[in-house]
Amino acid sequence: MSNIEGFILSNKFRKAVFLEISSGENSLERIAKKHHLLPQMVKKVAQEMVDKGLIKEKDGAFELTEKGEKIFGKLKGSNAI
């Protein structure tokens, strides 16, 4: 497991946000409501993943970057998620 995979999997909030964005959800507010999380926590986690190059924000919506898509594929292939 790479450092970046561990970064995602070691925190349940990062894992939840990453999985939601990878499944096509692009609203942090909806992610927060769905998982009963504080919006500030979801924003903080999303910013951490933006800083790592896993997701990007475009016009207020979030999506995986190419790097994020590769990591998602690795995690899904290894049954880690």
Foldseek 3Di string as FASTA:
>chain_A
DDPVLCVQLVDPLSVQLLVCQAVPFWALVVSCVVVVHDSVVSVVSVVVCVVVQQWDDDPRTIHGDPVVVVSVVVCVVVVVD
